[in-house]
Amino acid sequence: YRVRGIGLVPPVELPRFKRTGTTLAEARRETRRVRFDGE
């Protein structure tokens, strides 16, 4: 069966994350050798 319904739904408010103060260095796990354009 294919059913189509039309109705009003309340808007969804997605939760926003707050800054924690974590730095880029703190999120870094490691360094890998990667090849981009042959280099």
ModelCIF file with pLDDT and N, C-alpha, C, O atoms, coordinates in Angstrom:
data_MODEL
#
_entry.id   MODEL 
#
_entity.id                         1 
_entity.type                       polymer 
_entity.pdbx_number_of_molecules   1 
#
_entity_poly.entity_id                      1 
_entity_poly.type                           'polypeptide(L)' 
_entity_poly.nstd_linkage                   no 
_entity_poly.nstd_monomer                   no 
_entity_poly.pdbx_seq_one_letter_code       YRVRGIGLVPPVELPRFKRTGTTLAEARRETRRVRFDGE 
_entity_poly.pdbx_seq_one_letter_code_can   YRVRGIGLVPPVELPRFKRTGTTLAEARRETRRVRFDGE 
_entity_poly.pdbx_strand_id                 A 
#
loop_
_entity_poly_seq.entity_id 
_entity_poly_seq.num 
_entity_poly_seq.mon_id 
_entity_poly_seq.hetero 
1 1  TYR n 
1 2  ARG n 
1 3  VAL n 
1 4  ARG n 
1 5  GLY n 
1 6  ILE n 
1 7  GLY n 
1 8  LEU n 
1 9  VAL n 
1 10 PRO n 
1 11 PRO n 
1 12 VAL n 
1 13 GLU n 
1 14 LEU n 
1 15 PRO n 
1 16 ARG n 
1 17 PHE n 
1 18 LYS n 
1 19 ARG n 
1 20 THR n 
1 21 GLY n 
1 22 THR n 
1 23 THR n 
1 24 LEU n 
1 25 ALA n 
1 26 GLU n 
1 27 ALA n 
1 28 ARG n 
1 29 ARG n 
1 30 GLU n 
1 31 THR n 
1 32 ARG n 
1 33 ARG n 
1 34 VAL n 
1 35 ARG n 
1 36 PHE n 
1 37 ASP n 
1 38 GLY n 
1 39 GLU n 
#
_struct_asym.id          A 
_struct_asym.entity_id   1 
#
loop_
_ma_qa_metric.id 
_ma_qa_metric.mode 
_ma_qa_metric.name 
_ma_qa_metric.software_group_id 
_ma_qa_metric.type 
1 global pLDDT . pLDDT 
2 local  pLDDT . pLDDT 
#
_ma_qa_metric_global.metric_id      1 
_ma_qa_metric_global.metric_value   92.77 
_ma_qa_metric_global.model_id       1 
_ma_qa_metric_global.ordinal_id     1 
#
loop_
_ma_qa_metric_local.label_asym_id 
_ma_qa_metric_local.label_comp_id 
_ma_qa_metric_local.label_seq_id 
_ma_qa_metric_local.metric_id 
_ma_qa_metric_local.metric_value 
_ma_qa_metric_local.model_id 
_ma_qa_metric_local.ordinal_id 
A TYR 1  2 81.00 1 1  
A ARG 2  2 81.00 1 2  
A VAL 3  2 82.00 1 3  
A ARG 4  2 81.00 1 4  
A GLY 5  2 86.00 1 5  
A ILE 6  2 90.00 1 6  
A GLY 7  2 92.00 1 7  
A LEU 8  2 93.00 1 8  
A VAL 9  2 90.00 1 9  
A PRO 10 2 93.00 1 10 
A PRO 11 2 94.00 1 11 
A VAL 12 2 92.00 1 12 
A GLU 13 2 92.00 1 13 
A LEU 14 2 93.00 1 14 
A PRO 15 2 93.00 1 15 
A ARG 16 2 96.00 1 16 
A PHE 17 2 96.00 1 17 
A LYS 18 2 95.00 1 18 
A ARG 19 2 95.00 1 19 
A THR 20 2 95.00 1 20 
A GLY 21 2 94.00 1 21 
A THR 22 2 94.00 1 22 
A THR 23 2 95.00 1 23 
A LEU 24 2 95.00 1 24 
A ALA 25 2 96.00 1 25 
A GLU 26 2 96.00 1 26 
A ALA 27 2 96.00 1 27 
A ARG 28 2 96.00 1 28 
A ARG 29 2 95.00 1 29 
A GLU 30 2 97.00 1 30 
A THR 31 2 97.00 1 31 
A ARG 32 2 95.00 1 32 
A ARG 33 2 96.00 1 33 
A VAL 34 2 95.00 1 34 
A ARG 35 2 96.00 1 35 
A PHE 36 2 94.00 1 36 
A ASP 37 2 93.00 1 37 
A GLY 38 2 94.00 1 38 
A GLU 39 2 94.00 1 39 
#
loop_
_atom_site.group_PDB 
_atom_site.id 
_atom_site.type_symbol 
_atom_site.label_atom_id 
_atom_site.label_alt_id 
_atom_site.label_comp_id 
_atom_site.label_asym_id 
_atom_site.label_entity_id 
_atom_site.label_seq_id 
_atom_site.pdbx_PDB_ins_code 
_atom_site.Cartn_x 
_atom_site.Cartn_y 
_atom_site.Cartn_z 
_atom_site.occupancy 
_atom_site.B_iso_or_equiv 
_atom_site.pdbx_formal_charge 
_atom_site.auth_seq_id 
_atom_site.auth_comp_id 
_atom_site.auth_asym_id 
_atom_site.auth_atom_id 
_atom_site.pdbx_PDB_model_num 
ATOM 1   N N  . TYR A 1 1  ? 0.861  -1.178 0.000  1.00 81.00 ? 1  TYR A N  1 
ATOM 2   C CA . TYR A 1 1  ? 0.000  0.000  0.000  1.00 81.00 ? 1  TYR A CA 1 
ATOM 3   C C  . TYR A 1 1  ? 0.894  1.223  0.000  1.00 81.00 ? 1  TYR A C  1 
ATOM 4   O O  . TYR A 1 1  ? 1.935  1.237  0.656  1.00 81.00 ? 1  TYR A O  1 
ATOM 5   N N  . ARG A 1 2  ? 0.500  2.228  -0.717 1.00 81.00 ? 2  ARG A N  1 
ATOM 6   C CA . ARG A 1 2  ? 1.196  3.514  -0.666 1.00 81.00 ? 2  ARG A CA 1 
ATOM 7   C C  . ARG A 1 2  ? 0.211  4.513  -0.083 1.00 81.00 ? 2  ARG A C  1 
ATOM 8   O O  . ARG A 1 2  ? -0.871 4.731  -0.628 1.00 81.00 ? 2  ARG A O  1 
ATOM 9   N N  . VAL A 1 3  ? 0.594  5.103  1.007  1.00 82.00 ? 3  VAL A N  1 
ATOM 10  C CA . VAL A 1 3  ? -0.280 6.035  1.689  1.00 82.00 ? 3  VAL A CA 1 
ATOM 11  C C  . VAL A 1 3  ? 0.434  7.367  1.805  1.00 82.00 ? 3  VAL A C  1 
ATOM 12  O O  . VAL A 1 3  ? 1.623  7.419  2.119  1.00 82.00 ? 3  VAL A O  1 
ATOM 13  N N  . ARG A 1 4  ? -0.288 8.435  1.552  1.00 81.00 ? 4  ARG A N  1 
ATOM 14  C CA . ARG A 1 4  ? 0.279  9.767  1.695  1.00 81.00 ? 4  ARG A CA 1 
ATOM 15  C C  . ARG A 1 4  ? -0.552 10.511 2.723  1.00 81.00 ? 4  ARG A C  1 
ATOM 16  O O  . ARG A 1 4  ? -1.780 10.542 2.652  1.00 81.00 ? 4  ARG A O  1 
ATOM 17  N N  . GLY A 1 5  ? 0.134  11.100 3.666  1.00 86.00 ? 5  GLY A N  1 
ATOM 18  C CA . GLY A 1 5  ? -0.553 11.864 4.692  1.00 86.00 ? 5  GLY A CA 1 
ATOM 19  C C  . GLY A 1 5  ? 0.012  13.268 4.777  1.00 86.00 ? 5  GLY A C  1 
ATOM 20  O O  . GLY A 1 5  ? 1.204  13.491 4.563  1.00 86.00 ? 5  GLY A O  1 
ATOM 21  N N  . ILE A 1 6  ? -0.840 14.183 5.084  1.00 90.00 ? 6  ILE A N  1 
ATOM 22  C CA . ILE A 1 6  ? -0.432 15.569 5.243  1.00 90.00 ? 6  ILE A CA 1 
ATOM 23  C C  . ILE A 1 6  ? -0.920 16.021 6.609  1.00 90.00 ? 6  ILE A C  1 
ATOM 24  O O  . ILE A 1 6  ? -2.082 15.817 6.960  1.00 90.00 ? 6  ILE A O  1 
ATOM 25  N N  . GLY A 1 7  ? -0.041 16.628 7.368  1.00 92.00 ? 7  GLY A N  1 
ATOM 26  C CA . GLY A 1 7  ? -0.445 17.085 8.679  1.00 92.00 ? 7  GLY A CA 1 
ATOM 27  C C  . GLY A 1 7  ? 0.547  18.081 9.235  1.00 92.00 ? 7  GLY A C  1 
ATOM 28  O O  . GLY A 1 7  ? 1.625  18.285 8.676  1.00 92.00 ? 7  GLY A O  1 
ATOM 29  N N  . LEU A 1 8  ? 0.182  18.681 10.312 1.00 93.00 ? 8  LEU A N  1 
ATOM 30  C CA . LEU A 1 8  ? 1.053  19.641 10.969 1.00 93.00 ? 8  LEU A CA 1 
ATOM 31  C C  . LEU A 1 8  ? 1.784  18.945 12.106 1.00 93.00 ? 8  LEU A C  1 
ATOM 32  O O  . LEU A 1 8  ? 1.191  18.204 12.890 1.00 93.00 ? 8  LEU A O  1 
ATOM 33  N N  . VAL A 1 9  ? 3.052  19.192 12.175 1.00 90.00 ? 9  VAL A N  1 
ATOM 34  C CA . VAL A 1 9  ? 3.853  18.651 13.274 1.00 90.00 ? 9  VAL A CA 1 
ATOM 35  C C  . VAL A 1 9  ? 4.535  19.825 13.969 1.00 90.00 ? 9  VAL A C  1 
ATOM 36  O O  . VAL A 1 9  ? 4.864  20.827 13.335 1.00 90.00 ? 9  VAL A O  1 
ATOM 37  N N  . PRO A 1 10 ? 4.743  19.693 15.257 1.00 93.00 ? 10 PRO A N  1 
ATOM 38  C CA . PRO A 1 10 ? 5.412  20.792 15.954 1.00 93.00 ? 10 PRO A CA 1 
ATOM 39  C C  . PRO A 1 10 ? 6.875  20.891 15.509 1.00 93.00 ? 10 PRO A C  1 
ATOM 40  O O  . PRO A 1 10 ? 7.486  19.876 15.174 1.00 93.00 ? 10 PRO A O  1 
ATOM 41  N N  . PRO A 1 11 ? 7.428  22.079 15.502 1.00 94.00 ? 11 PRO A N  1 
ATOM 42  C CA . PRO A 1 11 ? 8.835  22.211 15.113 1.00 94.00 ? 11 PRO A CA 1 
ATOM 43  C C  . PRO A 1 11 ? 9.729  21.478 16.107 1.00 94.00 ? 11 PRO A C  1 
ATOM 44  O O  . PRO A 1 11 ? 9.437  21.401 17.300 1.00 94.00 ? 11 PRO A O  1 
ATOM 45  N N  . VAL A 1 12 ? 10.817 20.946 15.583 1.00 92.00 ? 12 VAL A N  1 
ATOM 46  C CA . VAL A 1 12 ? 11.772 20.221 16.408 1.00 92.00 ? 12 VAL A CA 1 
ATOM 47  C C  . VAL A 1 12 ? 12.920 21.162 16.754 1.00 92.00 ? 12 VAL A C  1 
ATOM 48  O O  . VAL A 1 12 ? 13.527 21.763 15.868 1.00 92.00 ? 12 VAL A O  1 
ATOM 49  N N  . GLU A 1 13 ? 13.203 21.283 18.000 1.00 92.00 ? 13 GLU A N  1 
ATOM 50  C CA . GLU A 1 13 ? 14.320 22.117 18.449 1.00 92.00 ? 13 GLU A CA 1 
ATOM 51  C C  . GLU A 1 13 ? 15.464 21.191 18.832 1.00 92.00 ? 13 GLU A C  1 
ATOM 52  O O  . GLU A 1 13 ? 15.405 20.507 19.854 1.00 92.00 ? 13 GLU A O  1 
ATOM 53  N N  . LEU A 1 14 ? 16.493 21.173 18.014 1.00 93.00 ? 14 LEU A N  1 
ATOM 54  C CA . LEU A 1 14 ? 17.642 20.326 18.299 1.00 93.00 ? 14 LEU A CA 1 
ATOM 55  C C  . LEU A 1 14 ? 18.509 20.960 19.380 1.00 93.00 ? 14 LEU A C  1 
ATOM 56  O O  . LEU A 1 14 ? 18.717 22.174 19.386 1.00 93.00 ? 14 LEU A O  1 
ATOM 57  N N  . PRO A 1 15 ? 19.005 20.145 20.284 1.00 93.00 ? 15 PRO A N  1 
ATOM 58  C CA . PRO A 1 15 ? 19.852 20.714 21.341 1.00 93.00 ? 15 PRO A CA 1 
ATOM 59  C C  . PRO A 1 15 ? 21.173 21.215 20.763 1.00 93.00 ? 15 PRO A C  1 
ATOM 60  O O  . PRO A 1 15 ? 21.764 20.588 19.884 1.00 93.00 ? 15 PRO A O  1 
ATOM 61  N N  . ARG A 1 16 ? 21.613 22.341 21.267 1.00 96.00 ? 16 ARG A N  1 
ATOM 62  C CA . ARG A 1 16 ? 22.887 22.913 20.840 1.00 96.00 ? 16 ARG A CA 1 
ATOM 63  C C  . ARG A 1 16 ? 23.950 22.555 21.865 1.00 96.00 ? 16 ARG A C  1 
ATOM 64  O O  . ARG A 1 16 ? 23.702 22.531 23.071 1.00 96.00 ? 16 ARG A O  1 
ATOM 65  N N  . PHE A 1 17 ? 25.129 22.281 21.356 1.00 96.00 ? 17 PHE A N  1 
ATOM 66  C CA . PHE A 1 17 ? 26.252 21.960 22.235 1.00 96.00 ? 17 PHE A CA 1 
ATOM 67  C C  . PHE A 1 17 ? 26.934 23.248 22.673 1.00 96.00 ? 17 PHE A C  1 
ATOM 68  O O  . PHE A 1 17 ? 26.998 24.219 21.919 1.00 96.00 ? 17 PHE A O  1 
ATOM 69  N N  . LYS A 1 18 ? 27.428 23.243 23.865 1.00 95.00 ? 18 LYS A N  1 
ATOM 70  C CA . LYS A 1 18 ? 28.175 24.393 24.381 1.00 95.00 ? 18 LYS A CA 1 
ATOM 71  C C  . LYS A 1 18 ? 29.662 24.093 24.274 1.00 95.00 ? 18 LYS A C  1 
ATOM 72  O O  . LYS A 1 18 ? 30.083 22.936 24.274 1.00 95.00 ? 18 LYS A O  1 
ATOM 73  N N  . ARG A 1 19 ? 30.441 25.153 24.182 1.00 95.00 ? 19 ARG A N  1 
ATOM 74  C CA . ARG A 1 19 ? 31.893 25.000 24.156 1.00 95.00 ? 19 ARG A CA 1 
ATOM 75  C C  . ARG A 1 19 ? 32.373 24.396 25.469 1.00 95.00 ? 19 ARG A C  1 
ATOM 76  O O  . ARG A 1 19 ? 31.904 24.748 26.551 1.00 95.00 ? 19 ARG A O  1 
ATOM 77  N N  . THR A 1 20 ? 33.311 23.486 25.341 1.00 95.00 ? 20 THR A N  1 
ATOM 78  C CA . THR A 1 20 ? 33.887 22.867 26.540 1.00 95.00 ? 20 THR A CA 1 
ATOM 79  C C  . THR A 1 20 ? 35.283 23.398 26.822 1.00 95.00 ? 20 THR A C  1 
ATOM 80  O O  . THR A 1 20 ? 35.826 23.205 27.910 1.00 95.00 ? 20 THR A O  1 
ATOM 81  N N  . GLY A 1 21 ? 35.858 24.070 25.830 1.00 94.00 ? 21 GLY A N  1 
ATOM 82  C CA . GLY A 1 21 ? 37.213 24.578 25.994 1.00 94.00 ? 21 GLY A CA 1 
ATOM 83  C C  . GLY A 1 21 ? 38.282 23.610 25.537 1.00 94.00 ? 21 GLY A C  1 
ATOM 84  O O  . GLY A 1 21 ? 39.473 23.892 25.674 1.00 94.00 ? 21 GLY A O  1 
ATOM 85  N N  . THR A 1 22 ? 37.872 22.456 24.987 1.00 94.00 ? 22 THR A N  1 
ATOM 86  C CA . THR A 1 22 ? 38.848 21.494 24.475 1.00 94.00 ? 22 THR A CA 1 
ATOM 87  C C  . THR A 1 22 ? 39.578 22.108 23.281 1.00 94.00 ? 22 THR A C  1 
ATOM 88  O O  . THR A 1 22 ? 38.949 22.667 22.383 1.00 94.00 ? 22 THR A O  1 
ATOM 89  N N  . THR A 1 23 ? 40.883 22.004 23.276 1.00 95.00 ? 23 THR A N  1 
ATOM 90  C CA . THR A 1 23 ? 41.675 22.583 22.189 1.00 95.00 ? 23 THR A CA 1 
ATOM 91  C C  . THR A 1 23 ? 41.861 21.567 21.081 1.00 95.00 ? 23 THR A C  1 
ATOM 92  O O  . THR A 1 23 ? 41.618 20.374 21.261 1.00 95.00 ? 23 THR A O  1 
ATOM 93  N N  . LEU A 1 24 ? 42.291 22.056 19.940 1.00 95.00 ? 24 LEU A N  1 
ATOM 94  C CA . LEU A 1 24 ? 42.582 21.186 18.812 1.00 95.00 ? 24 LEU A CA 1 
ATOM 95  C C  . LEU A 1 24 ? 43.669 20.185 19.192 1.00 95.00 ? 24 LEU A C  1 
ATOM 96  O O  . LEU A 1 24 ? 43.590 19.014 18.823 1.00 95.00 ? 24 LEU A O  1 
ATOM 97  N N  . ALA A 1 25 ? 44.684 20.641 19.929 1.00 96.00 ? 25 ALA A N  1 
ATOM 98  C CA . ALA A 1 25 ? 45.767 19.750 20.359 1.00 96.00 ? 25 ALA A CA 1 
ATOM 99  C C  . ALA A 1 25 ? 45.247 18.624 21.243 1.00 96.00 ? 25 ALA A C  1 
ATOM 100 O O  . ALA A 1 25 ? 45.748 17.502 21.168 1.00 96.00 ? 25 ALA A O  1 
ATOM 101 N N  . GLU A 1 26 ? 44.256 18.904 22.076 1.00 96.00 ? 26 GLU A N  1 
ATOM 102 C CA . GLU A 1 26 ? 43.698 17.873 22.960 1.00 96.00 ? 26 GLU A CA 1 
ATOM 103 C C  . GLU A 1 26 ? 42.860 16.840 22.201 1.00 96.00 ? 26 GLU A C  1 
ATOM 104 O O  . GLU A 1 26 ? 42.713 15.706 22.657 1.00 96.00 ? 26 GLU A O  1 
ATOM 105 N N  . ALA A 1 27 ? 42.323 17.221 21.068 1.00 96.00 ? 27 ALA A N  1 
ATOM 106 C CA . ALA A 1 27 ? 41.537 16.298 20.257 1.00 96.00 ? 27 ALA A CA 1 
ATOM 107 C C  . ALA A 1 27 ? 42.408 15.453 19.328 1.00 96.00 ? 27 ALA A C  1 
ATOM 108 O O  . ALA A 1 27 ? 41.925 14.490 18.732 1.00 96.00 ? 27 ALA A O  1 
ATOM 109 N N  . ARG A 1 28 ? 43.663 15.800 19.203 1.00 96.00 ? 28 ARG A N  1 
ATOM 110 C CA . ARG A 1 28 ? 44.577 15.100 18.298 1.00 96.00 ? 28 ARG A CA 1 
ATOM 111 C C  . ARG A 1 28 ? 44.982 13.753 18.881 1.00 96.00 ? 28 ARG A C  1 
ATOM 112 O O  . ARG A 1 28 ? 45.412 13.665 20.031 1.00 96.00 ? 28 ARG A O  1 
ATOM 113 N N  . ARG A 1 29 ? 44.839 12.706 18.074 1.00 95.00 ? 29 ARG A N  1 
ATOM 114 C CA . ARG A 1 29 ? 45.188 11.347 18.509 1.00 95.00 ? 29 ARG A CA 1 
ATOM 115 C C  . ARG A 1 29 ? 46.580 10.942 18.077 1.00 95.00 ? 29 ARG A C  1 
ATOM 116 O O  . ARG A 1 29 ? 47.332 10.326 18.833 1.00 95.00 ? 29 ARG A O  1 
ATOM 117 N N  . GLU A 1 30 ? 46.912 11.304 16.833 1.00 97.00 ? 30 GLU A N  1 
ATOM 118 C CA . GLU A 1 30 ? 48.182 10.858 16.269 1.00 97.00 ? 30 GLU A CA 1 
ATOM 119 C C  . GLU A 1 30 ? 48.456 11.615 14.977 1.00 97.00 ? 30 GLU A C  1 
ATOM 120 O O  . GLU A 1 30 ? 47.692 12.490 14.571 1.00 97.00 ? 30 GLU A O  1 
ATOM 121 N N  . THR A 1 31 ? 49.563 11.255 14.346 1.00 97.00 ? 31 THR A N  1 
ATOM 122 C CA . THR A 1 31 ? 49.905 11.754 13.019 1.00 97.00 ? 31 THR A CA 1 
ATOM 123 C C  . THR A 1 31 ? 50.094 10.548 12.115 1.00 97.00 ? 31 THR A C  1 
ATOM 124 O O  . THR A 1 31 ? 50.703 9.558  12.522 1.00 97.00 ? 31 THR A O  1 
ATOM 125 N N  . ARG A 1 32 ? 49.580 10.620 10.895 1.00 95.00 ? 32 ARG A N  1 
ATOM 126 C CA . ARG A 1 32 ? 49.737 9.533  9.921  1.00 95.00 ? 32 ARG A CA 1 
ATOM 127 C C  . ARG A 1 32 ? 50.357 10.091 8.649  1.00 95.00 ? 32 ARG A C  1 
ATOM 128 O O  . ARG A 1 32 ? 50.139 11.247 8.288  1.00 95.00 ? 32 ARG A O  1 
ATOM 129 N N  . ARG A 1 33 ? 51.137 9.244  7.977  1.00 96.00 ? 33 ARG A N  1 
ATOM 130 C CA . ARG A 1 33 ? 51.648 9.597  6.649  1.00 96.00 ? 33 ARG A CA 1 
ATOM 131 C C  . ARG A 1 33 ? 50.525 9.350  5.660  1.00 96.00 ? 33 ARG A C  1 
ATOM 132 O O  . ARG A 1 33 ? 49.989 8.246  5.563  1.00 96.00 ? 33 ARG A O  1 
ATOM 133 N N  . VAL A 1 34 ? 50.177 10.413 4.920  1.00 95.00 ? 34 VAL A N  1 
ATOM 134 C CA . VAL A 1 34 ? 49.061 10.347 3.971  1.00 95.00 ? 34 VAL A CA 1 
ATOM 135 C C  . VAL A 1 34 ? 49.532 10.912 2.646  1.00 95.00 ? 34 VAL A C  1 
ATOM 136 O O  . VAL A 1 34 ? 50.360 11.822 2.610  1.00 95.00 ? 34 VAL A O  1 
ATOM 137 N N  . ARG A 1 35 ? 49.003 10.373 1.558  1.00 96.00 ? 35 ARG A N  1 
ATOM 138 C CA . ARG A 1 35 ? 49.389 10.832 0.223  1.00 96.00 ? 35 ARG A CA 1 
ATOM 139 C C  . ARG A 1 35 ? 48.267 11.653 -0.393 1.00 96.00 ? 35 ARG A C  1 
ATOM 140 O O  . ARG A 1 35 ? 47.138 11.179 -0.518 1.00 96.00 ? 35 ARG A O  1 
ATOM 141 N N  . PHE A 1 36 ? 48.581 12.886 -0.777 1.00 94.00 ? 36 PHE A N  1 
ATOM 142 C CA . PHE A 1 36 ? 47.669 13.770 -1.496 1.00 94.00 ? 36 PHE A CA 1 
ATOM 143 C C  . PHE A 1 36 ? 48.354 14.171 -2.789 1.00 94.00 ? 36 PHE A C  1 
ATOM 144 O O  . PHE A 1 36 ? 49.470 14.689 -2.768 1.00 94.00 ? 36 PHE A O  1 
ATOM 145 N N  . ASP A 1 37 ? 47.694 13.936 -3.916 1.00 93.00 ? 37 ASP A N  1 
ATOM 146 C CA . ASP A 1 37 ? 48.242 14.298 -5.231 1.00 93.00 ? 37 ASP A CA 1 
ATOM 147 C C  . ASP A 1 37 ? 49.663 13.782 -5.405 1.00 93.00 ? 37 ASP A C  1 
ATOM 148 O O  . ASP A 1 37 ? 50.521 14.488 -5.935 1.00 93.00 ? 37 ASP A O  1 
ATOM 149 N N  . GLY A 1 38 ? 49.915 12.556 -4.963 1.00 94.00 ? 38 GLY A N  1 
ATOM 150 C CA . GLY A 1 38 ? 51.212 11.927 -5.157 1.00 94.00 ? 38 GLY A CA 1 
ATOM 151 C C  . GLY A 1 38 ? 52.282 12.354 -4.178 1.00 94.00 ? 38 GLY A C  1 
ATOM 152 O O  . GLY A 1 38 ? 53.412 11.872 -4.262 1.00 94.00 ? 38 GLY A O  1 
ATOM 153 N N  . GLU A 1 39 ? 51.964 13.240 -3.252 1.00 94.00 ? 39 GLU A N  1 
ATOM 154 C CA . GLU A 1 39 ? 52.953 13.714 -2.282 1.00 94.00 ? 39 GLU A CA 1 
ATOM 155 C C  . GLU A 1 39 ? 52.567 13.248 -0.882 1.00 94.00 ? 39 GLU A C  1 
ATOM 156 O O  . GLU A 1 39 ? 53.271 13.543 0.083  1.00 94.00 ? 39 GLU A O  1 
#
